[in-house]
Amino acid sequence: MATNRIARAGGMALGGVLLAWGAAARADFALNMTPGVTAISREVYDLHMLIFWICVAIGCVVFGVMFWSIYHHRKSRGAVPAQFHESTVVEIVWTVVPMLILISMAVPATKTLVRMADASEAELTIKVTGYQWRWRYDYLNEGIGFYSTLSTPQAQINAAAAKDEHYLLAVDQPLVVPVGKKIRILTTAADVIHSWWVPALGWKRDAIPGFINESWTLIEQPGVYRGQCAELCGKDHGFMPVVVEALPEAEYRQWLAKMREKNGQKTAQTTSGVKTL
């Protein structure tokens, strides 16, 4: 009896551990897209889920009919194959039905793509330039610009220290933007092809030397949103994170004033160091 009680207690404890581990594993290994923090990102998420469930329904119908046919028309039941070569009705049905399904998916997807391409009436324009292996952000209407470089300590990269929560996703200078304003983003590169990607914004754009790709975003919630280069751009491709910090308007203006002052000081130092011949 004592042995049985110990076994049951051990089994319950093991079950609790497995249940807790399973919940943690599901949290750490999420496979779906994120709804994001912009209207476009939510539209993209909704389209993804719509098309996913359409595919699930099609798969269930097709494989259901196939397995039912295999089971009910198996040789052991004496089923005799039907002798026919064509059916006009079937040909029409399996042509029209997929066409209607594709149209039902294409119409909302096209509307979202059109909205994603409309960067007009933006209140702020930022040029994003990819370098091996860092980003440069230029606020074209504000007269400021800076580089954003990986800030994860080398000790963590070399496995000499424990990796923190934002391992390989932290930078020395994030891209700071205001909340609730339409921001036009111009993406290009100075050397090889990169790709600027922040999942919470709902899109990514290739950064191609000699070309400028236009996109826009309007972040609704203050916070820090992380991404990375999504194009294999060389040996340090994995050390090229993107960090976007969205601030309320008042805080953004304060940050902007500090950056202008800092840039002004750098300009003054550079000018004072130039000798006149």
C-alpha atoms as a PDB file:
ATOM      1  CA  MET A   1       0.000   0.000   0.000  1.00  0.00           C
ATOM      2  CA  ALA A   2       2.754   2.419   0.941  1.00  0.00           C
ATOM      3  CA  THR A   3       4.541   1.610  -2.281  1.00  0.00           C
ATOM      4  CA  ASN A   4       1.368   2.333  -4.284  1.00  0.00           C
ATOM      5  CA  ARG A   5       0.839   5.668  -2.515  1.00  0.00           C
ATOM      6  CA  ILE A   6       4.434   6.674  -3.225  1.00  0.00           C
ATOM      7  CA  ALA A   7       4.041   5.656  -6.872  1.00  0.00           C
ATOM      8  CA  ARG A   8       0.810   7.655  -7.201  1.00  0.00           C
ATOM      9  CA  ALA A   9       2.399  10.693  -5.539  1.00  0.00           C
ATOM     10  CA  GLY A  10       5.417  10.413  -7.812  1.00  0.00           C
ATOM     11  CA  GLY A  11       3.177  10.125 -10.859  1.00  0.00           C
ATOM     12  CA  MET A  12       1.156  13.199  -9.839  1.00  0.00           C
ATOM     13  CA  ALA A  13       4.343  15.185  -9.256  1.00  0.00           C
ATOM     14  CA  LEU A  14       5.747  14.117 -12.616  1.00  0.00           C
ATOM     15  CA  GLY A  15       2.452  15.001 -14.296  1.00  0.00           C
ATOM     16  CA  GLY A  16       2.534  18.460 -12.710  1.00  0.00           C
ATOM     17  CA  VAL A  17       6.096  19.022 -13.894  1.00  0.00           C
ATOM     18  CA  LEU A  18       5.240  17.896 -17.440  1.00  0.00           C
ATOM     19  CA  LEU A  19       2.126  20.111 -17.471  1.00  0.00           C
ATOM     20  CA  ALA A  20       4.120  23.154 -16.342  1.00  0.00           C
ATOM     21  CA  TRP A  21       6.886  22.394 -18.832  1.00  0.00           C
ATOM     22  CA  GLY A  22       4.323  21.992 -21.591  1.00  0.00           C
ATOM     23  CA  ALA A  23       2.818  25.423 -20.839  1.00  0.00           C
ATOM     24  CA  ALA A  24       6.265  27.020 -20.788  1.00  0.00           C
ATOM     25  CA  ALA A  25       7.236  25.256 -23.993  1.00  0.00           C
ATOM     26  CA  ARG A  26       4.095  26.498 -25.742  1.00  0.00           C
ATOM     27  CA  ALA A  27       4.896  30.036 -24.603  1.00  0.00           C
ATOM     28  CA  ASP A  28       8.520  29.834 -25.809  1.00  0.00           C
ATOM     29  CA  PHE A  29       7.837  28.069 -29.098  1.00  0.00           C
ATOM     30  CA  ALA A  30       4.938  30.063 -30.535  1.00  0.00           C
ATOM     31  CA  LEU A  31       4.612  29.275 -34.224  1.00  0.00           C
ATOM     32  CA  ASN A  32       1.908  31.682 -35.330  1.00  0.00           C
ATOM     33  CA  MET A  33       2.242  35.265 -36.553  1.00  0.00           C
ATOM     34  CA  THR A  34       1.837  38.169 -34.144  1.00  0.00           C
ATOM     35  CA  PRO A  35      -1.189  40.507 -34.443  1.00  0.00           C
ATOM     36  CA  GLY A  36       1.273  43.406 -34.098  1.00  0.00           C
ATOM     37  CA  VAL A  37       0.704  47.016 -33.051  1.00  0.00           C
ATOM     38  CA  THR A  38      -0.473  48.601 -36.312  1.00  0.00           C
ATOM     39  CA  ALA A  39      -3.685  48.421 -38.313  1.00  0.00           C
ATOM     40  CA  ILE A  40      -1.820  46.879 -41.258  1.00  0.00           C
ATOM     41  CA  SER A  41      -0.240  44.191 -39.073  1.00  0.00           C
ATOM     42  CA  ARG A  42      -3.670  43.178 -37.775  1.00  0.00           C
ATOM     43  CA  GLU A  43      -5.050  43.030 -41.321  1.00  0.00           C
ATOM     44  CA  VAL A  44      -2.129  40.823 -42.344  1.00  0.00           C
ATOM     45  CA  TYR A  45      -2.741  38.594 -39.303  1.00  0.00           C
ATOM     46  CA  ASP A  46      -6.470  38.308 -40.082  1.00  0.00           C
ATOM     47  CA  LEU A  47      -5.719  37.435 -43.721  1.00  0.00           C
ATOM     48  CA  HIS A  48      -3.217  34.817 -42.577  1.00  0.00           C
ATOM     49  CA  MET A  49      -5.776  33.206 -40.264  1.00  0.00           C
ATOM     50  CA  LEU A  50      -8.544  33.365 -42.902  1.00  0.00           C
ATOM     51  CA  ILE A  51      -6.414  31.629 -45.528  1.00  0.00           C
ATOM     52  CA  PHE A  52      -5.082  29.161 -42.952  1.00  0.00           C
ATOM     53  CA  TRP A  53      -8.596  28.009 -42.007  1.00  0.00           C
ATOM     54  CA  ILE A  54      -9.651  27.860 -45.663  1.00  0.00           C
ATOM     55  CA  CYS A  55      -6.670  25.557 -46.286  1.00  0.00           C
ATOM     56  CA  VAL A  56      -7.593  23.477 -43.229  1.00  0.00           C
ATOM     57  CA  ALA A  57     -11.183  23.103 -44.485  1.00  0.00           C
ATOM     58  CA  ILE A  58      -9.997  22.136 -47.980  1.00  0.00           C
ATOM     59  CA  GLY A  59      -7.566  19.605 -46.512  1.00  0.00           C
ATOM     60  CA  CYS A  60     -10.249  18.071 -44.306  1.00  0.00           C
ATOM     61  CA  VAL A  61     -12.698  17.739 -47.218  1.00  0.00           C
ATOM     62  CA  VAL A  62     -10.144  16.335 -49.675  1.00  0.00           C
ATOM     63  CA  PHE A  63      -8.535  13.849 -47.288  1.00  0.00           C
ATOM     64  CA  GLY A  64     -11.920  12.967 -45.750  1.00  0.00           C
ATOM     65  CA  VAL A  65     -13.353  12.027 -49.152  1.00  0.00           C
ATOM     66  CA  MET A  66     -10.150  10.198 -50.082  1.00  0.00           C
ATOM     67  CA  PHE A  67     -10.033   8.089 -46.888  1.00  0.00           C
ATOM     68  CA  TRP A  68     -13.787   7.413 -47.018  1.00  0.00           C
ATOM     69  CA  SER A  69     -13.445   6.228 -50.633  1.00  0.00           C
ATOM     70  CA  ILE A  70     -10.453   4.033 -49.801  1.00  0.00           C
ATOM     71  CA  TYR A  71     -12.301   2.408 -46.901  1.00  0.00           C
ATOM     72  CA  HIS A  72     -15.715   1.895 -48.535  1.00  0.00           C
ATOM     73  CA  HIS A  73     -14.412   0.838 -51.940  1.00  0.00           C
ATOM     74  CA  ARG A  74     -11.662  -1.512 -50.830  1.00  0.00           C
ATOM     75  CA  LYS A  75     -11.055  -4.752 -52.666  1.00  0.00           C
ATOM     76  CA  SER A  76     -11.916  -6.916 -49.657  1.00  0.00           C
ATOM     77  CA  ARG A  77     -15.530  -5.693 -49.855  1.00  0.00           C
ATOM     78  CA  GLY A  78     -15.750  -6.732 -53.456  1.00  0.00           C
ATOM     79  CA  ALA A  79     -15.885  -3.190 -54.847  1.00  0.00           C
ATOM     80  CA  VAL A  80     -15.744  -3.049 -58.630  1.00  0.00           C
ATOM     81  CA  PRO A  81     -14.111   0.016 -60.213  1.00  0.00           C
ATOM     82  CA  ALA A  82     -16.477   2.213 -62.191  1.00  0.00           C
ATOM     83  CA  GLN A  83     -15.745   2.445 -65.889  1.00  0.00           C
ATOM     84  CA  PHE A  84     -15.943   6.079 -66.986  1.00  0.00           C
ATOM     85  CA  HIS A  85     -13.531   8.500 -68.603  1.00  0.00           C
ATOM     86  CA  GLU A  86     -14.931  11.988 -68.112  1.00  0.00           C
ATOM     87  CA  SER A  87     -17.695  13.997 -66.491  1.00  0.00           C
ATOM     88  CA  THR A  88     -18.529  17.485 -67.676  1.00  0.00           C
ATOM     89  CA  VAL A  89     -20.213  18.371 -64.384  1.00  0.00           C
ATOM     90  CA  VAL A  90     -17.175  17.311 -62.338  1.00  0.00           C
ATOM     91  CA  GLU A  91     -14.827  19.241 -64.636  1.00  0.00           C
ATOM     92  CA  ILE A  92     -16.913  22.403 -64.210  1.00  0.00           C
ATOM     93  CA  VAL A  93     -17.220  22.001 -60.439  1.00  0.00           C
ATOM     94  CA  TRP A  94     -13.532  21.469 -59.739  1.00  0.00           C
ATOM     95  CA  THR A  95     -12.691  24.441 -61.970  1.00  0.00           C
ATOM     96  CA  VAL A  96     -15.297  26.917 -60.687  1.00  0.00           C
ATOM     97  CA  VAL A  97     -15.066  26.138 -56.962  1.00  0.00           C
ATOM     98  CA  PRO A  98     -11.262  26.678 -56.664  1.00  0.00           C
ATOM     99  CA  MET A  99     -11.629  29.872 -58.747  1.00  0.00           C
ATOM    100  CA  LEU A 100     -14.252  31.240 -56.341  1.00  0.00           C
ATOM    101  CA  ILE A 101     -12.075  30.330 -53.358  1.00  0.00           C
ATOM    102  CA  LEU A 102      -9.077  32.116 -54.889  1.00  0.00           C
ATOM    103  CA  ILE A 103     -11.161  35.219 -55.619  1.00  0.00           C
ATOM    104  CA  SER A 104     -12.483  35.270 -52.047  1.00  0.00           C
ATOM    105  CA  MET A 105      -8.877  35.288 -50.819  1.00  0.00           C
ATOM    106  CA  ALA A 106      -7.507  37.674 -53.458  1.00  0.00           C
ATOM    107  CA  VAL A 107      -9.995  40.525 -52.927  1.00  0.00           C
ATOM    108  CA  PRO A 108      -9.191  41.293 -49.241  1.00  0.00           C
ATOM    109  CA  ALA A 109      -5.478  40.587 -49.817  1.00  0.00           C
ATOM    110  CA  THR A 110      -5.357  43.074 -52.704  1.00  0.00           C
ATOM    111  CA  LYS A 111      -7.083  45.758 -50.618  1.00  0.00           C
ATOM    112  CA  THR A 112      -4.490  45.312 -47.872  1.00  0.00           C
ATOM    113  CA  LEU A 113      -1.589  45.427 -50.354  1.00  0.00           C
ATOM    114  CA  VAL A 114      -2.946  48.664 -51.835  1.00  0.00           C
ATOM    115  CA  ARG A 115      -3.148  50.240 -48.359  1.00  0.00           C
ATOM    116  CA  MET A 116       0.372  49.042 -47.538  1.00  0.00           C
ATOM    117  CA  ALA A 117       1.711  50.790 -50.656  1.00  0.00           C
ATOM    118  CA  ASP A 118       0.061  54.140 -49.892  1.00  0.00           C
ATOM    119  CA  ALA A 119       2.683  56.175 -48.008  1.00  0.00           C
ATOM    120  CA  SER A 120       1.092  59.525 -48.838  1.00  0.00           C
ATOM    121  CA  GLU A 121       0.330  62.171 -46.203  1.00  0.00           C
ATOM    122  CA  ALA A 122       3.075  60.928 -43.897  1.00  0.00           C
ATOM    123  CA  GLU A 123       4.038  63.233 -41.017  1.00  0.00           C
ATOM    124  CA  LEU A 124       7.615  61.956 -40.701  1.00  0.00           C
ATOM    125  CA  THR A 125      10.071  60.479 -43.217  1.00  0.00           C
ATOM    126  CA  ILE A 126      12.949  58.243 -42.136  1.00  0.00           C
ATOM    127  CA  LYS A 127      15.605  56.803 -44.431  1.00  0.00           C
ATOM    128  CA  VAL A 128      16.864  53.359 -43.368  1.00  0.00           C
ATOM    129  CA  THR A 129      20.231  52.296 -44.817  1.00  0.00           C
ATOM    130  CA  GLY A 130      21.686  48.831 -44.323  1.00  0.00           C
ATOM    131  CA  TYR A 131      25.425  48.332 -43.861  1.00  0.00           C
ATOM    132  CA  GLN A 132      27.496  45.249 -43.103  1.00  0.00           C
ATOM    133  CA  TRP A 133      26.445  44.864 -40.309  1.00  0.00           C
ATOM    134  CA  ARG A 134      24.472  47.717 -38.824  1.00  0.00           C
ATOM    135  CA  TRP A 135      21.708  50.182 -39.701  1.00  0.00           C
ATOM    136  CA  ARG A 136      21.717  53.925 -40.231  1.00  0.00           C
ATOM    137  CA  TYR A 137      18.628  56.049 -39.607  1.00  0.00           C
ATOM    138  CA  ASP A 138      18.280  59.528 -41.130  1.00  0.00           C
ATOM    139  CA  TYR A 139      15.309  61.702 -40.158  1.00  0.00           C
ATOM    140  CA  LEU A 140      15.057  63.600 -43.435  1.00  0.00           C
ATOM    141  CA  ASN A 141      12.836  66.429 -42.185  1.00  0.00           C
ATOM    142  CA  GLU A 142      14.504  66.781 -38.814  1.00  0.00           C
ATOM    143  CA  GLY A 143      18.196  67.034 -39.742  1.00  0.00           C
ATOM    144  CA  ILE A 144      19.423  64.191 -37.536  1.00  0.00           C
ATOM    145  CA  GLY A 145      20.929  60.782 -38.244  1.00  0.00           C
ATOM    146  CA  PHE A 146      22.788  58.026 -36.434  1.00  0.00           C
ATOM    147  CA  TYR A 147      23.992  54.417 -36.677  1.00  0.00           C
ATOM    148  CA  SER A 148      22.366  51.584 -34.761  1.00  0.00           C
ATOM    149  CA  THR A 149      24.715  48.729 -33.839  1.00  0.00           C
ATOM    150  CA  LEU A 150      24.399  45.474 -31.905  1.00  0.00           C
ATOM    151  CA  SER A 151      25.025  46.003 -28.187  1.00  0.00           C
ATOM    152  CA  THR A 152      24.957  42.413 -26.943  1.00  0.00           C
ATOM    153  CA  PRO A 153      28.197  41.885 -24.942  1.00  0.00           C
ATOM    154  CA  GLN A 154      30.884  39.746 -26.569  1.00  0.00           C
ATOM    155  CA  ALA A 155      30.956  37.609 -23.425  1.00  0.00           C
ATOM    156  CA  GLN A 156      27.410  36.416 -24.196  1.00  0.00           C
ATOM    157  CA  ILE A 157      28.218  35.855 -27.871  1.00  0.00           C
ATOM    158  CA  ASN A 158      31.279  33.785 -26.917  1.00  0.00           C
ATOM    159  CA  ALA A 159      29.233  31.817 -24.335  1.00  0.00           C
ATOM    160  CA  ALA A 160      31.392  33.186 -21.511  1.00  0.00           C
ATOM    161  CA  ALA A 161      28.339  34.708 -19.797  1.00  0.00           C
ATOM    162  CA  ALA A 162      24.667  33.874 -19.468  1.00  0.00           C
ATOM    163  CA  LYS A 163      22.493  35.110 -22.337  1.00  0.00           C
ATOM    164  CA  ASP A 164      19.942  37.733 -21.334  1.00  0.00           C
ATOM    165  CA  GLU A 165      16.345  38.183 -22.505  1.00  0.00           C
ATOM    166  CA  HIS A 166      17.272  40.242 -25.570  1.00  0.00           C
ATOM    167  CA  TYR A 167      20.310  38.279 -26.723  1.00  0.00           C
ATOM    168  CA  LEU A 168      21.293  39.461 -30.239  1.00  0.00           C
ATOM    169  CA  LEU A 169      18.240  41.750 -30.282  1.00  0.00           C
ATOM    170  CA  ALA A 170      19.656  44.779 -28.434  1.00  0.00           C
ATOM    171  CA  VAL A 171      21.244  47.875 -29.962  1.00  0.00           C
ATOM    172  CA  ASP A 172      23.137  50.911 -28.720  1.00  0.00           C
ATOM    173  CA  GLN A 173      20.757  53.375 -30.410  1.00  0.00           C
ATOM    174  CA  PRO A 174      17.182  52.340 -31.303  1.00  0.00           C
ATOM    175  CA  LEU A 175      15.018  53.940 -33.946  1.00  0.00           C
ATOM    176  CA  VAL A 176      12.749  56.302 -31.984  1.00  0.00           C
ATOM    177  CA  VAL A 177       9.370  57.238 -33.456  1.00  0.00           C
ATOM    178  CA  PRO A 178       6.212  58.954 -32.203  1.00  0.00           C
ATOM    179  CA  VAL A 179       3.016  57.053 -31.472  1.00  0.00           C
ATOM    180  CA  GLY A 180      -0.074  57.818 -33.535  1.00  0.00           C
ATOM    181  CA  LYS A 181       1.704  59.451 -36.496  1.00  0.00           C
ATOM    182  CA  LYS A 182       2.059  58.105 -40.022  1.00  0.00           C
ATOM    183  CA  ILE A 183       5.751  57.460 -40.685  1.00  0.00           C
ATOM    184  CA  ARG A 184       7.148  57.029 -44.195  1.00  0.00           C
ATOM    185  CA  ILE A 185      10.172  54.709 -44.319  1.00  0.00           C
ATOM    186  CA  LEU A 186      12.616  54.680 -47.231  1.00  0.00           C
ATOM    187  CA  THR A 187      14.775  51.544 -47.250  1.00  0.00           C
ATOM    188  CA  THR A 188      18.065  51.129 -49.109  1.00  0.00           C
ATOM    189  CA  ALA A 189      21.572  49.690 -48.605  1.00  0.00           C
ATOM    190  CA  ALA A 190      25.160  50.814 -49.047  1.00  0.00           C
ATOM    191  CA  ASP A 191      26.880  47.492 -49.814  1.00  0.00           C
ATOM    192  CA  VAL A 192      24.853  44.267 -50.178  1.00  0.00           C
ATOM    193  CA  ILE A 193      21.171  43.359 -49.958  1.00  0.00           C
ATOM    194  CA  HIS A 194      19.709  43.535 -46.443  1.00  0.00           C
ATOM    195  CA  SER A 195      16.102  43.332 -45.235  1.00  0.00           C
ATOM    196  CA  TRP A 196      14.587  45.546 -42.516  1.00  0.00           C
ATOM    197  CA  TRP A 197      12.048  43.490 -40.576  1.00  0.00           C
ATOM    198  CA  VAL A 198      10.037  44.191 -37.415  1.00  0.00           C
ATOM    199  CA  PRO A 199       7.261  41.564 -36.994  1.00  0.00           C
ATOM    200  CA  ALA A 200       5.084  43.840 -34.834  1.00  0.00           C
ATOM    201  CA  LEU A 201       4.777  46.300 -37.741  1.00  0.00           C
ATOM    202  CA  GLY A 202       3.382  43.620 -40.066  1.00  0.00           C
ATOM    203  CA  TRP A 203       5.834  43.851 -42.973  1.00  0.00           C
ATOM    204  CA  LYS A 204       9.488  43.791 -44.005  1.00  0.00           C
ATOM    205  CA  ARG A 205      11.319  45.596 -46.779  1.00  0.00           C
ATOM    206  CA  ASP A 206      14.437  44.609 -48.716  1.00  0.00           C
ATOM    207  CA  ALA A 207      17.284  47.125 -48.564  1.00  0.00           C
ATOM    208  CA  ILE A 208      18.909  47.035 -52.011  1.00  0.00           C
ATOM    209  CA  PRO A 209      21.960  49.112 -53.069  1.00  0.00           C
ATOM    210  CA  GLY A 210      20.961  51.726 -55.625  1.00  0.00           C
ATOM    211  CA  PHE A 211      17.217  51.310 -55.007  1.00  0.00           C
ATOM    212  CA  ILE A 212      14.783  52.834 -52.512  1.00  0.00           C
ATOM    213  CA  ASN A 213      11.819  50.810 -51.276  1.00  0.00           C
ATOM    214  CA  GLU A 214       8.996  52.852 -49.771  1.00  0.00           C
ATOM    215  CA  SER A 215       6.732  51.748 -46.933  1.00  0.00           C
ATOM    216  CA  TRP A 216       4.928  53.273 -43.973  1.00  0.00           C
ATOM    217  CA  THR A 217       3.722  52.533 -40.478  1.00  0.00           C
ATOM    218  CA  LEU A 218       1.550  54.045 -37.780  1.00  0.00           C
ATOM    219  CA  ILE A 219       2.261  52.554 -34.359  1.00  0.00           C
ATOM    220  CA  GLU A 220      -0.672  52.753 -31.966  1.00  0.00           C
ATOM    221  CA  GLN A 221       0.918  51.631 -28.698  1.00  0.00           C
ATOM    222  CA  PRO A 222       4.060  52.916 -26.941  1.00  0.00           C
ATOM    223  CA  GLY A 223       6.706  50.255 -26.460  1.00  0.00           C
ATOM    224  CA  VAL A 224       9.873  48.648 -27.764  1.00  0.00           C
ATOM    225  CA  TYR A 225       9.529  46.427 -30.825  1.00  0.00           C
ATOM    226  CA  ARG A 226      12.364  44.214 -32.015  1.00  0.00           C
ATOM    227  CA  GLY A 227      13.308  42.629 -35.305  1.00  0.00           C
ATOM    228  CA  GLN A 228      16.383  41.831 -37.376  1.00  0.00           C
ATOM    229  CA  CYS A 229      17.844  41.674 -40.848  1.00  0.00           C
ATOM    230  CA  ALA A 230      15.897  39.030 -42.768  1.00  0.00           C
ATOM    231  CA  GLU A 231      18.259  38.688 -45.724  1.00  0.00           C
ATOM    232  CA  LEU A 232      21.484  36.660 -45.637  1.00  0.00           C
ATOM    233  CA  CYS A 233      23.993  39.513 -45.951  1.00  0.00           C
ATOM    234  CA  GLY A 234      27.333  37.986 -44.935  1.00  0.00           C
ATOM    235  CA  LYS A 235      29.107  36.330 -42.038  1.00  0.00           C
ATOM    236  CA  ASP A 236      27.644  38.670 -39.374  1.00  0.00           C
ATOM    237  CA  HIS A 237      24.095  38.587 -40.697  1.00  0.00           C
ATOM    238  CA  GLY A 238      22.873  37.309 -37.322  1.00  0.00           C
ATOM    239  CA  PHE A 239      24.326  40.338 -35.517  1.00  0.00           C
ATOM    240  CA  MET A 240      22.186  42.976 -37.214  1.00  0.00           C
ATOM    241  CA  PRO A 241      19.087  43.555 -35.041  1.00  0.00           C
ATOM    242  CA  VAL A 242      16.424  46.224 -35.426  1.00  0.00           C
ATOM    243  CA  VAL A 243      14.953  47.959 -32.384  1.00  0.00           C
ATOM    244  CA  VAL A 244      12.092  50.459 -32.696  1.00  0.00           C
ATOM    245  CA  GLU A 245      11.069  52.493 -29.656  1.00  0.00           C
ATOM    246  CA  ALA A 246       7.654  54.144 -29.947  1.00  0.00           C
ATOM    247  CA  LEU A 247       7.147  57.111 -27.613  1.00  0.00           C
ATOM    248  CA  PRO A 248       4.224  59.413 -26.839  1.00  0.00           C
ATOM    249  CA  GLU A 249       4.413  62.715 -28.718  1.00  0.00           C
ATOM    250  CA  ALA A 250       5.741  64.768 -25.780  1.00  0.00           C
ATOM    251  CA  GLU A 251       8.513  62.281 -24.983  1.00  0.00           C
ATOM    252  CA  TYR A 252       9.409  61.994 -28.662  1.00  0.00           C
ATOM    253  CA  ARG A 253       9.800  65.782 -28.898  1.00  0.00           C
ATOM    254  CA  GLN A 254      12.123  65.759 -25.884  1.00  0.00           C
ATOM    255  CA  TRP A 255      14.235  63.015 -27.453  1.00  0.00           C
ATOM    256  CA  LEU A 256      14.296  64.929 -30.746  1.00  0.00           C
ATOM    257  CA  ALA A 257      15.542  68.082 -29.025  1.00  0.00           C
ATOM    258  CA  LYS A 258      18.352  66.144 -27.320  1.00  0.00           C
ATOM    259  CA  MET A 259      19.417  64.532 -30.604  1.00  0.00           C
ATOM    260  CA  ARG A 260      19.468  67.902 -32.378  1.00  0.00           C
ATOM    261  CA  GLU A 261      21.608  69.323 -29.606  1.00  0.00           C
ATOM    262  CA  LYS A 262      23.977  66.360 -29.784  1.00  0.00           C
ATOM    263  CA  ASN A 263      24.243  66.611 -33.571  1.00  0.00           C
ATOM    264  CA  GLY A 264      24.849  70.367 -33.267  1.00  0.00           C
ATOM    265  CA  GLN A 265      27.695  69.770 -30.830  1.00  0.00           C
ATOM    266  CA  LYS A 266      29.284  67.230 -33.168  1.00  0.00           C
ATOM    267  CA  THR A 267      28.992  69.636 -36.089  1.00  0.00           C
ATOM    268  CA  ALA A 268      30.571  72.428 -34.050  1.00  0.00           C
ATOM    269  CA  GLN A 269      33.450  70.174 -32.989  1.00  0.00           C
ATOM    270  CA  THR A 270      34.034  69.097 -36.595  1.00  0.00           C
ATOM    271  CA  THR A 271      33.953  72.706 -37.846  1.00  0.00           C
ATOM    272  CA  SER A 272      36.340  73.933 -35.143  1.00  0.00           C
ATOM    273  CA  GLY A 273      38.795  71.215 -36.089  1.00  0.00           C
ATOM    274  CA  VAL A 274      39.009  72.327 -39.726  1.00  0.00           C
ATOM    275  CA  LYS A 275      42.032  74.504 -40.486  1.00  0.00           C
ATOM    276  CA  THR A 276      41.686  77.383 -42.936  1.00  0.00           C
ATOM    277  CA  LEU A 277      44.533  77.717 -45.399  1.00  0.00           C
END
